[in-house]
Amino acid sequence: MAVIGLIAGSGPLPLEVATAVRERGRGLSVAAIEDNADPSLEGVSGATVAWFNAGQLDALIGFLREAGAREVLLAGAVSKRRILRDPGALRPDARALALLARLSSGRARGDDAILRALAGELEDEGMRVVESTAYLEDRMTPEGRIAGPEPSPEVLADARLGLRVIESLGALDVGQAALVHDGVVLAVEAVEGTDETIRRGSRYGRGAVLVKAAKPGQDMRFDVPVIGPATLELAAECGLAAVALEASRTLILQRERSRAAAEREGVTLLGIRP
């Protein structure tokens, strides 16, 4: 049976990917990043899970190679906040140091550059890096209202503004989310992540719209924007009117639970196009 490799970072996406791969009957070997990946990955039936420090690049690639993985998916982020607070938490091996040195000598040093460099290392070992959404077609965001109240013209206008903001800042590798209310940008996602962006921006008034979208030129092999039930529950707690997602280029995890949360909390969930 063909084995799929999964490099699992933080958030709910890696578990969703792992479950979907196993539902297809494919073998699965998971390289889970310590202090980031969900321990629930250990409970995915039939999956082999090994844990690595984010800097153990050679050992991680060796694990996937020995597992016989020919396709690899990258899902979830590695928390930059923890590394910034405690640089010693990252213990790079010689291979990781060489990769970082190559990046530091060039102009591209953001998240996308690091992920593309990692993909290059994997492909040099004969492993093809495929889109993290390859097994999640049914979770991609459709266009139009998905759940909750019909969006007002004001909500749609704020959603369109949020898309323009993300398109403008995304080219600088800043973030994938913005909070907008009545034509005013309340917050833009940076290193803190979407949840903290919601909390920070919602202090300036209720009724805002959270917008999530892929960055221009987004490499869909990794770092695809996602939301799930917890995002919608936090949106309601912080008084948001709507969560607007770029159609076809974002993911809704635990689709039925997310729809139910939007209906229960009275938050509009919709997919929009630029």
C-alpha atoms as a PDB file:
ATOM      1  CA  MET A   1       0.000   0.000   0.000  1.00  0.00           C
ATOM      2  CA  ALA A   2       1.324   3.422  -0.983  1.00  0.00           C
ATOM      3  CA  VAL A   3       2.387   5.549   1.980  1.00  0.00           C
ATOM      4  CA  ILE A   4       1.593   9.246   2.278  1.00  0.00           C
ATOM      5  CA  GLY A   5       3.887  11.402   4.401  1.00  0.00           C
ATOM      6  CA  LEU A   6       2.473  14.223   6.499  1.00  0.00           C
ATOM      7  CA  ILE A   7       4.500  16.943   8.222  1.00  0.00           C
ATOM      8  CA  ALA A   8       2.138  18.160  10.945  1.00  0.00           C
ATOM      9  CA  GLY A   9       2.326  21.588  12.536  1.00  0.00           C
ATOM     10  CA  SER A  10      -0.176  23.387  14.744  1.00  0.00           C
ATOM     11  CA  GLY A  11      -3.915  23.869  14.417  1.00  0.00           C
ATOM     12  CA  PRO A  12      -6.746  21.528  13.389  1.00  0.00           C
ATOM     13  CA  LEU A  13      -5.704  21.043   9.754  1.00  0.00           C
ATOM     14  CA  PRO A  14      -3.136  18.235  10.222  1.00  0.00           C
ATOM     15  CA  LEU A  15      -5.642  16.035  12.070  1.00  0.00           C
ATOM     16  CA  GLU A  16      -8.242  16.648   9.382  1.00  0.00           C
ATOM     17  CA  VAL A  17      -5.738  15.773   6.652  1.00  0.00           C
ATOM     18  CA  ALA A  18      -4.593  12.634   8.476  1.00  0.00           C
ATOM     19  CA  THR A  19      -8.164  11.440   8.951  1.00  0.00           C
ATOM     20  CA  ALA A  20      -9.032  12.079   5.289  1.00  0.00           C
ATOM     21  CA  VAL A  21      -5.944  10.198   4.059  1.00  0.00           C
ATOM     22  CA  ARG A  22      -6.773   7.169   6.176  1.00  0.00           C
ATOM     23  CA  GLU A  23     -10.422   7.276   5.069  1.00  0.00           C
ATOM     24  CA  ARG A  24      -9.098   6.803   1.518  1.00  0.00           C
ATOM     25  CA  GLY A  25      -7.307   3.659   2.667  1.00  0.00           C
ATOM     26  CA  ARG A  26      -3.825   5.094   2.160  1.00  0.00           C
ATOM     27  CA  GLY A  27      -0.900   4.328   4.437  1.00  0.00           C
ATOM     28  CA  LEU A  28       0.180   7.325   6.525  1.00  0.00           C
ATOM     29  CA  SER A  29       3.409   8.305   8.274  1.00  0.00           C
ATOM     30  CA  VAL A  30       3.211  11.521  10.297  1.00  0.00           C
ATOM     31  CA  ALA A  31       6.223  13.639  11.226  1.00  0.00           C
ATOM     32  CA  ALA A  32       4.709  15.710  14.051  1.00  0.00           C
ATOM     33  CA  ILE A  33       6.413  18.921  15.192  1.00  0.00           C
ATOM     34  CA  GLU A  34       6.912  19.034  18.963  1.00  0.00           C
ATOM     35  CA  ASP A  35       5.032  21.737  20.895  1.00  0.00           C
ATOM     36  CA  ASN A  36       2.939  22.414  17.787  1.00  0.00           C
ATOM     37  CA  ALA A  37       1.110  19.338  16.505  1.00  0.00           C
ATOM     38  CA  ASP A  38      -2.045  18.015  18.154  1.00  0.00           C
ATOM     39  CA  PRO A  39      -1.353  14.889  20.272  1.00  0.00           C
ATOM     40  CA  SER A  40      -4.666  13.521  18.933  1.00  0.00           C
ATOM     41  CA  LEU A  41      -2.718  12.552  15.810  1.00  0.00           C
ATOM     42  CA  GLU A  42      -1.524   9.563  17.842  1.00  0.00           C
ATOM     43  CA  GLY A  43      -5.120   8.312  17.787  1.00  0.00           C
ATOM     44  CA  VAL A  44      -5.543   8.215  13.985  1.00  0.00           C
ATOM     45  CA  SER A  45      -6.096   4.552  13.215  1.00  0.00           C
ATOM     46  CA  GLY A  46      -3.336   2.968  11.171  1.00  0.00           C
ATOM     47  CA  ALA A  47      -1.056   6.025  11.160  1.00  0.00           C
ATOM     48  CA  THR A  48       2.593   5.886  12.219  1.00  0.00           C
ATOM     49  CA  VAL A  49       3.522   9.010  14.184  1.00  0.00           C
ATOM     50  CA  ALA A  50       6.990  10.238  15.181  1.00  0.00           C
ATOM     51  CA  TRP A  51       7.797  13.525  16.939  1.00  0.00           C
ATOM     52  CA  PHE A  52      10.552  15.941  15.938  1.00  0.00           C
ATOM     53  CA  ASN A  53      11.900  19.307  17.017  1.00  0.00           C
ATOM     54  CA  ALA A  54      11.273  21.873  14.280  1.00  0.00           C
ATOM     55  CA  GLY A  55      15.030  22.039  13.656  1.00  0.00           C
ATOM     56  CA  GLN A  56      15.573  18.281  13.189  1.00  0.00           C
ATOM     57  CA  LEU A  57      15.338  18.464   9.412  1.00  0.00           C
ATOM     58  CA  ASP A  58      17.618  15.552   8.566  1.00  0.00           C
ATOM     59  CA  ALA A  59      15.945  13.165  11.028  1.00  0.00           C
ATOM     60  CA  LEU A  60      12.476  14.207   9.878  1.00  0.00           C
ATOM     61  CA  ILE A  61      13.280  13.641   6.207  1.00  0.00           C
ATOM     62  CA  GLY A  62      14.989  10.345   7.071  1.00  0.00           C
ATOM     63  CA  PHE A  63      11.839   9.152   8.856  1.00  0.00           C
ATOM     64  CA  LEU A  64       9.672   9.872   5.817  1.00  0.00           C
ATOM     65  CA  ARG A  65      12.189   8.335   3.426  1.00  0.00           C
ATOM     66  CA  GLU A  66      12.432   5.133   5.465  1.00  0.00           C
ATOM     67  CA  ALA A  67       8.634   4.955   5.649  1.00  0.00           C
ATOM     68  CA  GLY A  68       8.583   4.777   1.857  1.00  0.00           C
ATOM     69  CA  ALA A  69       6.632   8.016   1.390  1.00  0.00           C
ATOM     70  CA  ARG A  70       6.551   9.158  -2.226  1.00  0.00           C
ATOM     71  CA  GLU A  71       4.042  11.944  -1.639  1.00  0.00           C
ATOM     72  CA  VAL A  72       4.263  14.390   1.263  1.00  0.00           C
ATOM     73  CA  LEU A  73       1.750  16.925   2.550  1.00  0.00           C
ATOM     74  CA  LEU A  74       2.636  19.881   4.776  1.00  0.00           C
ATOM     75  CA  ALA A  75      -0.207  20.968   7.047  1.00  0.00           C
ATOM     76  CA  GLY A  76      -0.302  23.402   9.955  1.00  0.00           C
ATOM     77  CA  ALA A  77       2.132  26.089  11.003  1.00  0.00           C
ATOM     78  CA  VAL A  78       5.160  26.121  13.282  1.00  0.00           C
ATOM     79  CA  SER A  79       4.593  28.764  15.948  1.00  0.00           C
ATOM     80  CA  LYS A  80       6.933  31.702  15.424  1.00  0.00           C
ATOM     81  CA  ARG A  81       5.731  33.210  18.696  1.00  0.00           C
ATOM     82  CA  ARG A  82       7.327  30.439  20.721  1.00  0.00           C
ATOM     83  CA  ILE A  83      10.590  30.636  18.795  1.00  0.00           C
ATOM     84  CA  LEU A  84      10.690  34.417  19.197  1.00  0.00           C
ATOM     85  CA  ARG A  85      10.097  34.092  22.942  1.00  0.00           C
ATOM     86  CA  ASP A  86      12.547  31.205  23.339  1.00  0.00           C
ATOM     87  CA  PRO A  87      15.051  30.922  20.449  1.00  0.00           C
ATOM     88  CA  GLY A  88      16.601  27.917  22.189  1.00  0.00           C
ATOM     89  CA  ALA A  89      13.418  25.950  21.508  1.00  0.00           C
ATOM     90  CA  LEU A  90      14.613  25.573  17.906  1.00  0.00           C
ATOM     91  CA  ARG A  91      17.508  23.110  17.765  1.00  0.00           C
ATOM     92  CA  PRO A  92      18.613  23.118  14.119  1.00  0.00           C
ATOM     93  CA  ASP A  93      20.737  20.240  12.858  1.00  0.00           C
ATOM     94  CA  ALA A  94      23.419  20.641  10.199  1.00  0.00           C
ATOM     95  CA  ARG A  95      20.955  20.229   7.348  1.00  0.00           C
ATOM     96  CA  ALA A  96      18.595  22.853   8.782  1.00  0.00           C
ATOM     97  CA  LEU A  97      21.487  25.263   9.388  1.00  0.00           C
ATOM     98  CA  ALA A  98      22.603  24.861   5.771  1.00  0.00           C
ATOM     99  CA  LEU A  99      19.060  25.577   4.560  1.00  0.00           C
ATOM    100  CA  LEU A 100      18.786  28.684   6.756  1.00  0.00           C
ATOM    101  CA  ALA A 101      22.170  29.875   5.552  1.00  0.00           C
ATOM    102  CA  ARG A 102      21.054  29.615   1.928  1.00  0.00           C
ATOM    103  CA  LEU A 103      17.914  31.583   2.738  1.00  0.00           C
ATOM    104  CA  SER A 104      19.804  34.283   4.636  1.00  0.00           C
ATOM    105  CA  SER A 105      22.021  34.897   1.621  1.00  0.00           C
ATOM    106  CA  GLY A 106      19.004  35.604  -0.576  1.00  0.00           C
ATOM    107  CA  ARG A 107      16.204  38.145  -0.543  1.00  0.00           C
ATOM    108  CA  ALA A 108      13.281  35.832   0.308  1.00  0.00           C
ATOM    109  CA  ARG A 109      13.222  35.011   4.036  1.00  0.00           C
ATOM    110  CA  GLY A 110       9.541  34.821   4.978  1.00  0.00           C
ATOM    111  CA  ASP A 111       7.361  31.819   5.753  1.00  0.00           C
ATOM    112  CA  ASP A 112       6.752  30.995   2.089  1.00  0.00           C
ATOM    113  CA  ALA A 113      10.462  30.991   1.335  1.00  0.00           C
ATOM    114  CA  ILE A 114      11.164  28.609   4.225  1.00  0.00           C
ATOM    115  CA  LEU A 115       8.361  26.254   3.181  1.00  0.00           C
ATOM    116  CA  ARG A 116       9.458  26.257  -0.450  1.00  0.00           C
ATOM    117  CA  ALA A 117      13.005  25.479   0.652  1.00  0.00           C
ATOM    118  CA  LEU A 118      11.719  22.595   2.783  1.00  0.00           C
ATOM    119  CA  ALA A 119       9.723  21.316  -0.184  1.00  0.00           C
ATOM    120  CA  GLY A 120      12.898  21.450  -2.243  1.00  0.00           C
ATOM    121  CA  GLU A 121      14.739  19.327   0.328  1.00  0.00           C
ATOM    122  CA  LEU A 122      11.977  16.719   0.238  1.00  0.00           C
ATOM    123  CA  GLU A 123      11.863  16.646  -3.544  1.00  0.00           C
ATOM    124  CA  ASP A 124      15.641  16.223  -3.681  1.00  0.00           C
ATOM    125  CA  GLU A 125      15.023  12.985  -1.771  1.00  0.00           C
ATOM    126  CA  GLY A 126      12.491  11.798  -4.375  1.00  0.00           C
ATOM    127  CA  MET A 127       9.375  12.786  -2.429  1.00  0.00           C
ATOM    128  CA  ARG A 128       6.776  14.878  -4.259  1.00  0.00           C
ATOM    129  CA  VAL A 129       5.189  17.629  -2.155  1.00  0.00           C
ATOM    130  CA  VAL A 130       1.479  17.820  -3.009  1.00  0.00           C
ATOM    131  CA  GLU A 131      -1.180  20.354  -2.060  1.00  0.00           C
ATOM    132  CA  SER A 132      -2.300  20.078   1.555  1.00  0.00           C
ATOM    133  CA  THR A 133      -5.872  20.168   0.199  1.00  0.00           C
ATOM    134  CA  ALA A 134      -5.367  17.095  -2.021  1.00  0.00           C
ATOM    135  CA  TYR A 135      -7.641  14.924   0.158  1.00  0.00           C
ATOM    136  CA  LEU A 136      -9.942  17.718   1.325  1.00  0.00           C
ATOM    137  CA  GLU A 137     -11.827  18.760  -1.820  1.00  0.00           C
ATOM    138  CA  ASP A 138     -15.161  18.634   0.017  1.00  0.00           C
ATOM    139  CA  ARG A 139     -13.891  21.083   2.672  1.00  0.00           C
ATOM    140  CA  MET A 140     -13.003  23.896   0.234  1.00  0.00           C
ATOM    141  CA  THR A 141     -15.133  27.022   0.647  1.00  0.00           C
ATOM    142  CA  PRO A 142     -17.985  27.394  -1.863  1.00  0.00           C
ATOM    143  CA  GLU A 143     -19.180  30.788  -3.082  1.00  0.00           C
ATOM    144  CA  GLY A 144     -22.210  32.408  -1.431  1.00  0.00           C
ATOM    145  CA  ARG A 145     -23.875  32.198   1.960  1.00  0.00           C
ATOM    146  CA  ILE A 146     -23.017  28.960   3.723  1.00  0.00           C
ATOM    147  CA  ALA A 147     -24.776  29.439   7.075  1.00  0.00           C
ATOM    148  CA  GLY A 148     -26.187  32.103   9.351  1.00  0.00           C
ATOM    149  CA  PRO A 149     -28.132  35.229   8.398  1.00  0.00           C
ATOM    150  CA  GLU A 150     -28.172  36.633   4.863  1.00  0.00           C
ATOM    151  CA  PRO A 151     -25.256  39.080   4.538  1.00  0.00           C
ATOM    152  CA  SER A 152     -26.257  42.739   4.426  1.00  0.00           C
ATOM    153  CA  PRO A 153     -24.827  45.089   1.780  1.00  0.00           C
ATOM    154  CA  GLU A 154     -22.622  46.560   4.521  1.00  0.00           C
ATOM    155  CA  VAL A 155     -21.228  43.129   5.407  1.00  0.00           C
ATOM    156  CA  LEU A 156     -20.489  42.399   1.738  1.00  0.00           C
ATOM    157  CA  ALA A 157     -18.757  45.761   1.328  1.00  0.00           C
ATOM    158  CA  ASP A 158     -16.582  45.105   4.392  1.00  0.00           C
ATOM    159  CA  ALA A 159     -15.777  41.620   3.091  1.00  0.00           C
ATOM    160  CA  ARG A 160     -14.650  43.003  -0.271  1.00  0.00           C
ATOM    161  CA  LEU A 161     -12.478  45.608   1.472  1.00  0.00           C
ATOM    162  CA  GLY A 162     -10.900  42.880   3.607  1.00  0.00           C
ATOM    163  CA  LEU A 163     -10.021  40.916   0.476  1.00  0.00           C
ATOM    164  CA  ARG A 164      -8.297  43.956  -1.011  1.00  0.00           C
ATOM    165  CA  VAL A 165      -6.325  44.504   2.202  1.00  0.00           C
ATOM    166  CA  ILE A 166      -5.117  40.895   2.279  1.00  0.00           C
ATOM    167  CA  GLU A 167      -4.231  41.037  -1.409  1.00  0.00           C
ATOM    168  CA  SER A 168      -2.171  44.189  -0.826  1.00  0.00           C
ATOM    169  CA  LEU A 169      -0.367  43.015   2.315  1.00  0.00           C
ATOM    170  CA  GLY A 170      -0.166  39.346   1.379  1.00  0.00           C
ATOM    171  CA  ALA A 171       2.506  40.117  -1.192  1.00  0.00           C
ATOM    172  CA  LEU A 172       4.677  41.126   1.784  1.00  0.00           C
ATOM    173  CA  ASP A 173       3.987  37.786   3.536  1.00  0.00           C
ATOM    174  CA  VAL A 174       2.201  39.597   6.385  1.00  0.00           C
ATOM    175  CA  GLY A 175      -0.906  37.503   7.034  1.00  0.00           C
ATOM    176  CA  GLN A 176      -4.089  35.969   5.704  1.00  0.00           C
ATOM    177  CA  ALA A 177      -6.811  37.654   7.774  1.00  0.00           C
ATOM    178  CA  ALA A 178      -8.257  41.112   8.341  1.00  0.00           C
ATOM    179  CA  LEU A 179     -11.034  42.501  10.538  1.00  0.00           C
ATOM    180  CA  VAL A 180     -13.181  45.241   8.974  1.00  0.00           C
ATOM    181  CA  HIS A 181     -16.178  47.271  10.221  1.00  0.00           C
ATOM    182  CA  ASP A 182     -18.068  49.964   8.320  1.00  0.00           C
ATOM    183  CA  GLY A 183     -15.210  50.417   5.883  1.00  0.00           C
ATOM    184  CA  VAL A 184     -12.566  50.708   8.613  1.00  0.00           C
ATOM    185  CA  VAL A 185      -9.781  48.140   8.983  1.00  0.00           C
ATOM    186  CA  LEU A 186      -9.676  47.255  12.677  1.00  0.00           C
ATOM    187  CA  ALA A 187      -6.875  44.677  12.590  1.00  0.00           C
ATOM    188  CA  VAL A 188      -4.635  42.772  10.204  1.00  0.00           C
ATOM    189  CA  GLU A 189      -3.186  39.382  11.081  1.00  0.00           C
ATOM    190  CA  ALA A 190       0.535  39.242  11.781  1.00  0.00           C
ATOM    191  CA  VAL A 191       2.558  36.802  13.890  1.00  0.00           C
ATOM    192  CA  GLU A 192      -0.164  36.427  16.554  1.00  0.00           C
ATOM    193  CA  GLY A 193      -2.563  34.358  14.414  1.00  0.00           C
ATOM    194  CA  THR A 194      -6.243  34.670  13.577  1.00  0.00           C
ATOM    195  CA  ASP A 195      -7.712  34.236  17.065  1.00  0.00           C
ATOM    196  CA  GLU A 196      -5.639  37.027  18.574  1.00  0.00           C
ATOM    197  CA  THR A 197      -6.398  39.209  15.552  1.00  0.00           C
ATOM    198  CA  ILE A 198     -10.124  38.773  16.254  1.00  0.00           C
ATOM    199  CA  ARG A 199      -9.692  39.593  19.940  1.00  0.00           C
ATOM    200  CA  ARG A 200      -7.522  42.620  19.240  1.00  0.00           C
ATOM    201  CA  GLY A 201      -9.707  44.121  16.534  1.00  0.00           C
ATOM    202  CA  SER A 202     -13.056  43.446  18.184  1.00  0.00           C
ATOM    203  CA  ARG A 203     -12.174  45.821  21.024  1.00  0.00           C
ATOM    204  CA  TYR A 204     -13.047  48.675  18.654  1.00  0.00           C
ATOM    205  CA  GLY A 205     -16.683  47.729  18.179  1.00  0.00           C
ATOM    206  CA  ARG A 206     -19.163  44.960  17.546  1.00  0.00           C
ATOM    207  CA  GLY A 207     -20.469  43.939  14.134  1.00  0.00           C
ATOM    208  CA  ALA A 208     -17.115  43.537  12.352  1.00  0.00           C
ATOM    209  CA  VAL A 209     -16.379  41.105   9.522  1.00  0.00           C
ATOM    210  CA  LEU A 210     -13.477  38.651   9.659  1.00  0.00           C
ATOM    211  CA  VAL A 211     -12.019  38.041   6.202  1.00  0.00           C
ATOM    212  CA  LYS A 212      -9.613  35.194   5.425  1.00  0.00           C
ATOM    213  CA  ALA A 213      -8.015  34.714   2.032  1.00  0.00           C
ATOM    214  CA  ALA A 214      -4.985  33.173   0.389  1.00  0.00           C
ATOM    215  CA  LYS A 215      -2.093  35.471  -0.378  1.00  0.00           C
ATOM    216  CA  PRO A 216      -1.376  36.491  -3.990  1.00  0.00           C
ATOM    217  CA  GLY A 217       0.639  33.708  -5.576  1.00  0.00           C
ATOM    218  CA  GLN A 218      -0.195  31.428  -2.632  1.00  0.00           C
ATOM    219  CA  ASP A 219       1.543  28.069  -2.953  1.00  0.00           C
ATOM    220  CA  MET A 220      -1.396  25.775  -2.223  1.00  0.00           C
ATOM    221  CA  ARG A 221       0.955  23.012  -1.153  1.00  0.00           C
ATOM    222  CA  PHE A 222       1.135  24.618   2.276  1.00  0.00           C
ATOM    223  CA  ASP A 223      -0.215  27.328   4.575  1.00  0.00           C
ATOM    224  CA  VAL A 224      -3.765  27.303   3.180  1.00  0.00           C
ATOM    225  CA  PRO A 225      -6.085  29.564   5.253  1.00  0.00           C
ATOM    226  CA  VAL A 226      -8.545  27.570   7.387  1.00  0.00           C
ATOM    227  CA  ILE A 227     -11.354  28.088   9.864  1.00  0.00           C
ATOM    228  CA  GLY A 228     -13.376  25.683  11.957  1.00  0.00           C
ATOM    229  CA  PRO A 229     -16.095  25.675  14.630  1.00  0.00           C
ATOM    230  CA  ALA A 230     -13.809  27.283  17.223  1.00  0.00           C
ATOM    231  CA  THR A 231     -13.257  30.286  14.939  1.00  0.00           C
ATOM    232  CA  LEU A 232     -17.006  30.818  14.594  1.00  0.00           C
ATOM    233  CA  GLU A 233     -17.585  30.467  18.323  1.00  0.00           C
ATOM    234  CA  LEU A 234     -14.856  33.039  19.017  1.00  0.00           C
ATOM    235  CA  ALA A 235     -16.339  35.322  16.345  1.00  0.00           C
ATOM    236  CA  ALA A 236     -19.692  35.221  18.160  1.00  0.00           C
ATOM    237  CA  GLU A 237     -18.051  35.764  21.554  1.00  0.00           C
ATOM    238  CA  CYS A 238     -16.318  38.874  20.185  1.00  0.00           C
ATOM    239  CA  GLY A 239     -19.475  40.239  18.534  1.00  0.00           C
ATOM    240  CA  LEU A 240     -18.546  39.708  14.887  1.00  0.00           C
ATOM    241  CA  ALA A 241     -21.319  39.880  12.300  1.00  0.00           C
ATOM    242  CA  ALA A 242     -19.732  37.601   9.714  1.00  0.00           C
ATOM    243  CA  VAL A 243     -16.819  35.413   8.681  1.00  0.00           C
ATOM    244  CA  ALA A 244     -16.059  35.787   4.966  1.00  0.00           C
ATOM    245  CA  LEU A 245     -13.695  33.373   3.227  1.00  0.00           C
ATOM    246  CA  GLU A 246     -12.172  33.450  -0.230  1.00  0.00           C
ATOM    247  CA  ALA A 247     -14.077  30.860  -2.254  1.00  0.00           C
ATOM    248  CA  SER A 248     -12.111  27.856  -3.574  1.00  0.00           C
ATOM    249  CA  ARG A 249      -8.868  28.943  -1.858  1.00  0.00           C
ATOM    250  CA  THR A 250      -9.706  28.486   1.831  1.00  0.00           C
ATOM    251  CA  LEU A 251     -10.818  25.509   3.900  1.00  0.00           C
ATOM    252  CA  ILE A 252     -13.724  24.988   6.279  1.00  0.00           C
ATOM    253  CA  LEU A 253     -12.802  22.203   8.691  1.00  0.00           C
ATOM    254  CA  GLN A 254     -15.440  20.047  10.367  1.00  0.00           C
ATOM    255  CA  ARG A 255     -17.935  21.426   7.846  1.00  0.00           C
ATOM    256  CA  GLU A 256     -21.182  20.371   9.539  1.00  0.00           C
ATOM    257  CA  ARG A 257     -20.038  21.500  12.986  1.00  0.00           C
ATOM    258  CA  SER A 258     -18.927  24.818  11.494  1.00  0.00           C
ATOM    259  CA  ARG A 259     -22.281  25.337   9.781  1.00  0.00           C
ATOM    260  CA  ALA A 260     -24.106  24.455  12.988  1.00  0.00           C
ATOM    261  CA  ALA A 261     -21.957  26.869  15.004  1.00  0.00           C
ATOM    262  CA  ALA A 262     -22.681  29.712  12.567  1.00  0.00           C
ATOM    263  CA  GLU A 263     -26.428  29.032  12.712  1.00  0.00           C
ATOM    264  CA  ARG A 264     -26.446  28.680  16.485  1.00  0.00           C
ATOM    265  CA  GLU A 265     -24.397  31.819  17.089  1.00  0.00           C
ATOM    266  CA  GLY A 266     -26.098  33.958  14.424  1.00  0.00           C
ATOM    267  CA  VAL A 267     -22.833  34.643  12.574  1.00  0.00           C
ATOM    268  CA  THR A 268     -22.960  34.826   8.784  1.00  0.00           C
ATOM    269  CA  LEU A 269     -20.533  32.391   7.125  1.00  0.00           C
ATOM    270  CA  LEU A 270     -19.975  33.030   3.435  1.00  0.00           C
ATOM    271  CA  GLY A 271     -17.598  32.478   0.555  1.00  0.00           C
ATOM    272  CA  ILE A 272     -16.654  35.401  -1.674  1.00  0.00           C
ATOM    273  CA  ARG A 273     -14.461  35.960  -4.718  1.00  0.00           C
ATOM    274  CA  PRO A 274     -12.203  38.961  -5.362  1.00  0.00           C
END
